[in-house]
Each structure stands twice: as structure tokens, then as C-alpha cells.
């Protein structure tokens, strides 16, 4: 699916990395954004142990990779080909993360789809999750302090305040 990103000229990217059999008709859809962090892994484990019914639920894993631009290498500006190569590396890493996480769910006999997105994590997750209309979103929290939240923002906080479905925020320090 390609659509114009809000107030950007970049295209939305949806790479389906893993899908469930077409004959499976889930009773609930649960979205879980993942980024490979400790808090993301805690959210995955919490979902498996406390929220998912493997017979009836479908998990949709989402990962958002950044759009490479020359400011990554400032003061050295990258040529267009180098940006394409960097984007390919980020795409490959996103797909590998989603495939590994999907394997974890599949090892528990949980139906799982995995989608790689590209752009700002807050905007892209809000857009995709709103489109999917899940019954639940489970997301990890990095436990940013108030200053860090103000400066860099919190994806989990953004999702809690912008989505129209229940959002469970799993704290990183949860044992």
C-alpha cells in the first residue's frame, strides 16, 4: 500500500514480512510494535504469557525503520547511491528483526503477521494501527524521564493518546 505521508512527500512503505494462512479467521487482532530493545522484548514476552489466546488471536508485529538522509553522516554528505544502500541495510535489519520475532510467536503456535514500515515511528504506527483496527496494542516502554520524553518524545505515550483502542504499555523494569 502506498499513500502520501502526512505533510511529507515521502511514500508510506508496508513490507509484509510474514503472514498467516488465509483460512485463519481471528477473533482478536493484537498489534505489537517491536524495535529489538529490551522493553520491546519485555512487551513480546508479556503478550505471550498474559494476553494472547493462541487458538483465536492473531498478532501483527510492526517495525518502523527510519528514512535515511544525509544528516546521518554530517558533515559528510552521502551520495544518492549511498542513501539507497543505507536504506537497503535498514530494510534488511527490519525484516530480520520481524522474522526472528515472528519465529518466537510461531514457536508458541501463535498466528502472526509481520509488517515493516518506514518513517517516523509515532506517525507510521498510528497510521498503520488505525488502519488495522486491532482489539489491543501492546507496546514496551523505555522508561524515559520527563526531560527525555519532552525532547525526543515517547512512542508509547503517543500511541496511548492517539489510538482509538486499548493500549497496554509494558514497563522495561517488569520482571
C-alpha atoms as a PDB file:
ATOM      1  CA  UNK A   1       0.000   0.000   0.000  1.00  0.00           C
ATOM      2  CA  UNK A   2       1.340   3.383  -0.903  1.00  0.00           C
ATOM      3  CA  UNK A   3      -0.151   6.637   0.334  1.00  0.00           C
ATOM      4  CA  UNK A   4       1.184  10.108   0.868  1.00  0.00           C
ATOM      5  CA  UNK A   5       2.597  10.584   4.380  1.00  0.00           C
ATOM      6  CA  UNK A   6       1.068  13.392   6.367  1.00  0.00           C
ATOM      7  CA  UNK A   7       2.688  16.650   5.384  1.00  0.00           C
ATOM      8  CA  UNK A   8       5.524  14.776   3.677  1.00  0.00           C
ATOM      9  CA  UNK A   9       6.206  13.861   0.096  1.00  0.00           C
ATOM     10  CA  UNK A  10       7.688  10.506   1.093  1.00  0.00           C
ATOM     11  CA  UNK A  11       5.672   7.381   0.416  1.00  0.00           C
ATOM     12  CA  UNK A  12       4.408   5.051   3.128  1.00  0.00           C
ATOM     13  CA  UNK A  13       6.112   1.695   2.954  1.00  0.00           C
ATOM     14  CA  UNK A  14       4.406  -1.537   4.058  1.00  0.00           C
ATOM     15  CA  UNK A  15       6.584  -4.595   3.532  1.00  0.00           C
ATOM     16  CA  UNK A  16       4.714  -7.753   4.535  1.00  0.00           C
ATOM     17  CA  UNK A  17       7.479  -9.863   6.090  1.00  0.00           C
ATOM     18  CA  UNK A  18       5.362 -12.727   7.437  1.00  0.00           C
ATOM     19  CA  UNK A  19       1.674 -13.599   7.054  1.00  0.00           C
ATOM     20  CA  UNK A  20      -0.854 -16.087   8.413  1.00  0.00           C
ATOM     21  CA  UNK A  21      -2.765 -18.657   6.348  1.00  0.00           C
ATOM     22  CA  UNK A  22      -5.750 -17.086   4.592  1.00  0.00           C
ATOM     23  CA  UNK A  23      -8.163 -19.619   6.101  1.00  0.00           C
ATOM     24  CA  UNK A  24      -7.420 -18.410   9.656  1.00  0.00           C
ATOM     25  CA  UNK A  25     -10.147 -16.057  10.884  1.00  0.00           C
ATOM     26  CA  UNK A  26      -9.012 -14.467  14.174  1.00  0.00           C
ATOM     27  CA  UNK A  27     -11.431 -13.378  16.878  1.00  0.00           C
ATOM     28  CA  UNK A  28      -8.951 -10.734  18.090  1.00  0.00           C
ATOM     29  CA  UNK A  29      -6.109  -8.858  16.456  1.00  0.00           C
ATOM     30  CA  UNK A  30      -3.284  -7.660  18.680  1.00  0.00           C
ATOM     31  CA  UNK A  31      -0.670  -5.241  17.340  1.00  0.00           C
ATOM     32  CA  UNK A  32       2.795  -5.275  18.877  1.00  0.00           C
ATOM     33  CA  UNK A  33       5.355  -2.698  17.709  1.00  0.00           C
ATOM     34  CA  UNK A  34       8.899  -4.093  18.044  1.00  0.00           C
ATOM     35  CA  UNK A  35      12.329  -2.490  17.732  1.00  0.00           C
ATOM     36  CA  UNK A  36      14.690  -5.070  19.248  1.00  0.00           C
ATOM     37  CA  UNK A  37      15.113  -3.133  22.515  1.00  0.00           C
ATOM     38  CA  UNK A  38      14.867  -4.689  25.966  1.00  0.00           C
ATOM     39  CA  UNK A  39      11.492  -3.005  26.503  1.00  0.00           C
ATOM     40  CA  UNK A  40      10.217  -4.333  23.191  1.00  0.00           C
ATOM     41  CA  UNK A  41      11.279  -7.874  24.129  1.00  0.00           C
ATOM     42  CA  UNK A  42       9.552  -7.476  27.512  1.00  0.00           C
ATOM     43  CA  UNK A  43       6.346  -6.473  25.715  1.00  0.00           C
ATOM     44  CA  UNK A  44       6.592  -9.545  23.453  1.00  0.00           C
ATOM     45  CA  UNK A  45       7.128 -11.870  26.421  1.00  0.00           C
ATOM     46  CA  UNK A  46       4.326 -10.225  28.405  1.00  0.00           C
ATOM     47  CA  UNK A  47       1.952 -10.597  25.450  1.00  0.00           C
ATOM     48  CA  UNK A  48       2.755 -14.290  25.041  1.00  0.00           C
ATOM     49  CA  UNK A  49       2.435 -15.039  28.758  1.00  0.00           C
ATOM     50  CA  UNK A  50      -0.523 -12.821  29.691  1.00  0.00           C
ATOM     51  CA  UNK A  51      -2.628 -11.726  26.760  1.00  0.00           C
ATOM     52  CA  UNK A  52      -2.683 -13.962  23.706  1.00  0.00           C
ATOM     53  CA  UNK A  53      -5.010 -16.900  23.120  1.00  0.00           C
ATOM     54  CA  UNK A  54      -3.174 -18.974  20.520  1.00  0.00           C
ATOM     55  CA  UNK A  55      -6.354 -20.633  19.251  1.00  0.00           C
ATOM     56  CA  UNK A  56      -8.209 -17.418  18.406  1.00  0.00           C
ATOM     57  CA  UNK A  57      -5.817 -14.440  18.311  1.00  0.00           C
ATOM     58  CA  UNK A  58      -3.663 -13.043  15.567  1.00  0.00           C
ATOM     59  CA  UNK A  59      -0.610 -10.931  16.354  1.00  0.00           C
ATOM     60  CA  UNK A  60       0.526  -8.230  13.955  1.00  0.00           C
ATOM     61  CA  UNK A  61       4.165  -7.294  14.563  1.00  0.00           C
ATOM     62  CA  UNK A  62       5.162  -3.840  13.372  1.00  0.00           C
ATOM     63  CA  UNK A  63       8.620  -2.366  12.979  1.00  0.00           C
ATOM     64  CA  UNK A  64       9.368   1.136  11.724  1.00  0.00           C
ATOM     65  CA  UNK A  65      12.725   1.929  10.192  1.00  0.00           C
ATOM     66  CA  UNK A  66      13.958   5.444   9.698  1.00  0.00           C
ATOM     67  CA  UNK A  67      14.193   7.165   6.350  1.00  0.00           C
ATOM     68  CA  UNK A  68      17.909   7.705   5.713  1.00  0.00           C
ATOM     69  CA  UNK A  69      19.017  11.192   4.835  1.00  0.00           C
ATOM     70  CA  UNK A  70      22.370  12.909   4.554  1.00  0.00           C
ATOM     71  CA  UNK A  71      22.211  14.412   8.055  1.00  0.00           C
ATOM     72  CA  UNK A  72      23.093  10.925   9.363  1.00  0.00           C
ATOM     73  CA  UNK A  73      26.608  11.479   8.152  1.00  0.00           C
ATOM     74  CA  UNK A  74      27.028  15.197   8.669  1.00  0.00           C
ATOM     75  CA  UNK A  75      29.441  16.804   7.961  1.00  0.00           C
ATOM     76  CA  UNK A  76      29.961  14.213   5.221  1.00  0.00           C
ATOM     77  CA  UNK A  77      27.088  14.289   2.805  1.00  0.00           C
ATOM     78  CA  UNK A  78      26.164  10.958   1.272  1.00  0.00           C
ATOM     79  CA  UNK A  79      25.574  10.483  -2.409  1.00  0.00           C
ATOM     80  CA  UNK A  80      22.161   9.274  -3.523  1.00  0.00           C
ATOM     81  CA  UNK A  81      23.523   5.742  -4.101  1.00  0.00           C
ATOM     82  CA  UNK A  82      24.875   5.628  -0.546  1.00  0.00           C
ATOM     83  CA  UNK A  83      21.480   6.647   0.834  1.00  0.00           C
ATOM     84  CA  UNK A  84      19.883   3.847  -1.194  1.00  0.00           C
ATOM     85  CA  UNK A  85      22.422   1.375   0.216  1.00  0.00           C
ATOM     86  CA  UNK A  86      21.773   2.616   3.756  1.00  0.00           C
ATOM     87  CA  UNK A  87      18.017   2.296   3.219  1.00  0.00           C
ATOM     88  CA  UNK A  88      18.552  -1.276   1.977  1.00  0.00           C
ATOM     89  CA  UNK A  89      20.578  -2.107   5.123  1.00  0.00           C
ATOM     90  CA  UNK A  90      17.888  -0.625   7.370  1.00  0.00           C
ATOM     91  CA  UNK A  91      15.203  -2.550   5.460  1.00  0.00           C
ATOM     92  CA  UNK A  92      17.143  -5.807   5.776  1.00  0.00           C
ATOM     93  CA  UNK A  93      17.652  -5.265   9.518  1.00  0.00           C
ATOM     94  CA  UNK A  94      13.943  -4.522   9.975  1.00  0.00           C
ATOM     95  CA  UNK A  95      12.948  -7.667   8.093  1.00  0.00           C
ATOM     96  CA  UNK A  96      15.395  -9.819  10.060  1.00  0.00           C
ATOM     97  CA  UNK A  97      14.087  -8.451  13.369  1.00  0.00           C
ATOM     98  CA  UNK A  98      10.489  -9.133  12.341  1.00  0.00           C
ATOM     99  CA  UNK A  99      11.303 -12.632  11.094  1.00  0.00           C
ATOM    100  CA  UNK A 100      13.101 -13.507  14.341  1.00  0.00           C
ATOM    101  CA  UNK A 101      10.269 -12.118  16.454  1.00  0.00           C
ATOM    102  CA  UNK A 102       7.680 -13.940  14.321  1.00  0.00           C
ATOM    103  CA  UNK A 103       9.593 -17.206  14.867  1.00  0.00           C
ATOM    104  CA  UNK A 104       9.275 -16.641  18.623  1.00  0.00           C
ATOM    105  CA  UNK A 105       5.476 -16.372  18.311  1.00  0.00           C
ATOM    106  CA  UNK A 106       5.290 -19.320  15.933  1.00  0.00           C
ATOM    107  CA  UNK A 107       7.249 -21.457  18.410  1.00  0.00           C
ATOM    108  CA  UNK A 108       4.300 -20.861  20.774  1.00  0.00           C
ATOM    109  CA  UNK A 109       1.814 -21.783  17.989  1.00  0.00           C
ATOM    110  CA  UNK A 110       0.563 -18.185  17.797  1.00  0.00           C
ATOM    111  CA  UNK A 111      -0.706 -16.869  14.465  1.00  0.00           C
ATOM    112  CA  UNK A 112       1.459 -13.958  13.465  1.00  0.00           C
ATOM    113  CA  UNK A 113       1.841 -11.385  10.706  1.00  0.00           C
ATOM    114  CA  UNK A 114       4.806  -9.049  10.447  1.00  0.00           C
ATOM    115  CA  UNK A 115       4.918  -5.704   8.664  1.00  0.00           C
ATOM    116  CA  UNK A 116       7.910  -3.435   8.131  1.00  0.00           C
ATOM    117  CA  UNK A 117       7.168   0.280   7.902  1.00  0.00           C
ATOM    118  CA  UNK A 118       9.333   3.283   7.054  1.00  0.00           C
ATOM    119  CA  UNK A 119       9.256   6.787   8.527  1.00  0.00           C
ATOM    120  CA  UNK A 120       8.637   8.407  11.890  1.00  0.00           C
ATOM    121  CA  UNK A 121       7.663   5.648  14.353  1.00  0.00           C
ATOM    122  CA  UNK A 122       4.884   7.646  16.008  1.00  0.00           C
ATOM    123  CA  UNK A 123       3.211   8.681  12.755  1.00  0.00           C
ATOM    124  CA  UNK A 124       3.639   5.387  10.929  1.00  0.00           C
ATOM    125  CA  UNK A 125       2.486   3.231  13.843  1.00  0.00           C
ATOM    126  CA  UNK A 126      -0.532   5.448  14.468  1.00  0.00           C
ATOM    127  CA  UNK A 127      -1.453   5.319  10.762  1.00  0.00           C
ATOM    128  CA  UNK A 128      -0.997   1.559  10.342  1.00  0.00           C
ATOM    129  CA  UNK A 129      -2.625   0.589  13.644  1.00  0.00           C
ATOM    130  CA  UNK A 130      -5.598   2.864  12.934  1.00  0.00           C
ATOM    131  CA  UNK A 131      -5.955   1.170   9.549  1.00  0.00           C
ATOM    132  CA  UNK A 132      -5.759  -2.341  11.071  1.00  0.00           C
ATOM    133  CA  UNK A 133      -8.332  -1.534  13.798  1.00  0.00           C
ATOM    134  CA  UNK A 134      -6.921  -4.044  16.305  1.00  0.00           C
ATOM    135  CA  UNK A 135      -8.608  -5.082  19.515  1.00  0.00           C
ATOM    136  CA  UNK A 136      -5.467  -4.343  21.522  1.00  0.00           C
ATOM    137  CA  UNK A 137      -1.990  -2.825  21.172  1.00  0.00           C
ATOM    138  CA  UNK A 138       0.866  -3.983  23.395  1.00  0.00           C
ATOM    139  CA  UNK A 139       3.963  -1.792  23.416  1.00  0.00           C
ATOM    140  CA  UNK A 140       7.112  -1.590  25.502  1.00  0.00           C
ATOM    141  CA  UNK A 141       8.136   1.495  27.421  1.00  0.00           C
ATOM    142  CA  UNK A 142      11.756   2.573  27.597  1.00  0.00           C
ATOM    143  CA  UNK A 143      11.118   4.418  30.826  1.00  0.00           C
ATOM    144  CA  UNK A 144      12.268   7.804  29.579  1.00  0.00           C
ATOM    145  CA  UNK A 145      12.461  10.550  32.149  1.00  0.00           C
ATOM    146  CA  UNK A 146      10.359  13.696  31.750  1.00  0.00           C
ATOM    147  CA  UNK A 147      13.117  15.676  30.017  1.00  0.00           C
ATOM    148  CA  UNK A 148      13.895  12.902  27.532  1.00  0.00           C
ATOM    149  CA  UNK A 149      10.190  12.452  26.776  1.00  0.00           C
ATOM    150  CA  UNK A 150       9.915  16.164  26.091  1.00  0.00           C
ATOM    151  CA  UNK A 151      12.984  16.261  23.835  1.00  0.00           C
ATOM    152  CA  UNK A 152      12.671  13.019  21.860  1.00  0.00           C
ATOM    153  CA  UNK A 153       9.064  12.058  22.538  1.00  0.00           C
ATOM    154  CA  UNK A 154       7.696   8.730  23.562  1.00  0.00           C
ATOM    155  CA  UNK A 155       6.217   6.346  21.011  1.00  0.00           C
ATOM    156  CA  UNK A 156       4.191   4.532  23.665  1.00  0.00           C
ATOM    157  CA  UNK A 157       2.852   7.834  25.029  1.00  0.00           C
ATOM    158  CA  UNK A 158       1.907   8.955  21.525  1.00  0.00           C
ATOM    159  CA  UNK A 159       0.045   5.702  20.857  1.00  0.00           C
ATOM    160  CA  UNK A 160      -1.827   5.860  24.170  1.00  0.00           C
ATOM    161  CA  UNK A 161      -3.073   9.361  23.345  1.00  0.00           C
ATOM    162  CA  UNK A 162      -3.812   8.954  19.626  1.00  0.00           C
ATOM    163  CA  UNK A 163      -5.171   5.440  19.085  1.00  0.00           C
ATOM    164  CA  UNK A 164      -8.827   4.519  19.475  1.00  0.00           C
ATOM    165  CA  UNK A 165      -8.273   1.095  21.020  1.00  0.00           C
ATOM    166  CA  UNK A 166      -6.845  -0.218  24.303  1.00  0.00           C
ATOM    167  CA  UNK A 167      -3.055   0.152  24.600  1.00  0.00           C
ATOM    168  CA  UNK A 168      -1.065  -1.824  27.169  1.00  0.00           C
ATOM    169  CA  UNK A 169       2.305  -0.268  27.980  1.00  0.00           C
ATOM    170  CA  UNK A 170       4.698  -2.845  29.412  1.00  0.00           C
ATOM    171  CA  UNK A 171       7.424  -1.223  31.532  1.00  0.00           C
ATOM    172  CA  UNK A 172      11.015  -2.244  30.876  1.00  0.00           C
ATOM    173  CA  UNK A 173      11.682  -2.973  34.552  1.00  0.00           C
ATOM    174  CA  UNK A 174       8.893  -5.593  34.690  1.00  0.00           C
ATOM    175  CA  UNK A 175      10.347  -8.937  35.755  1.00  0.00           C
END
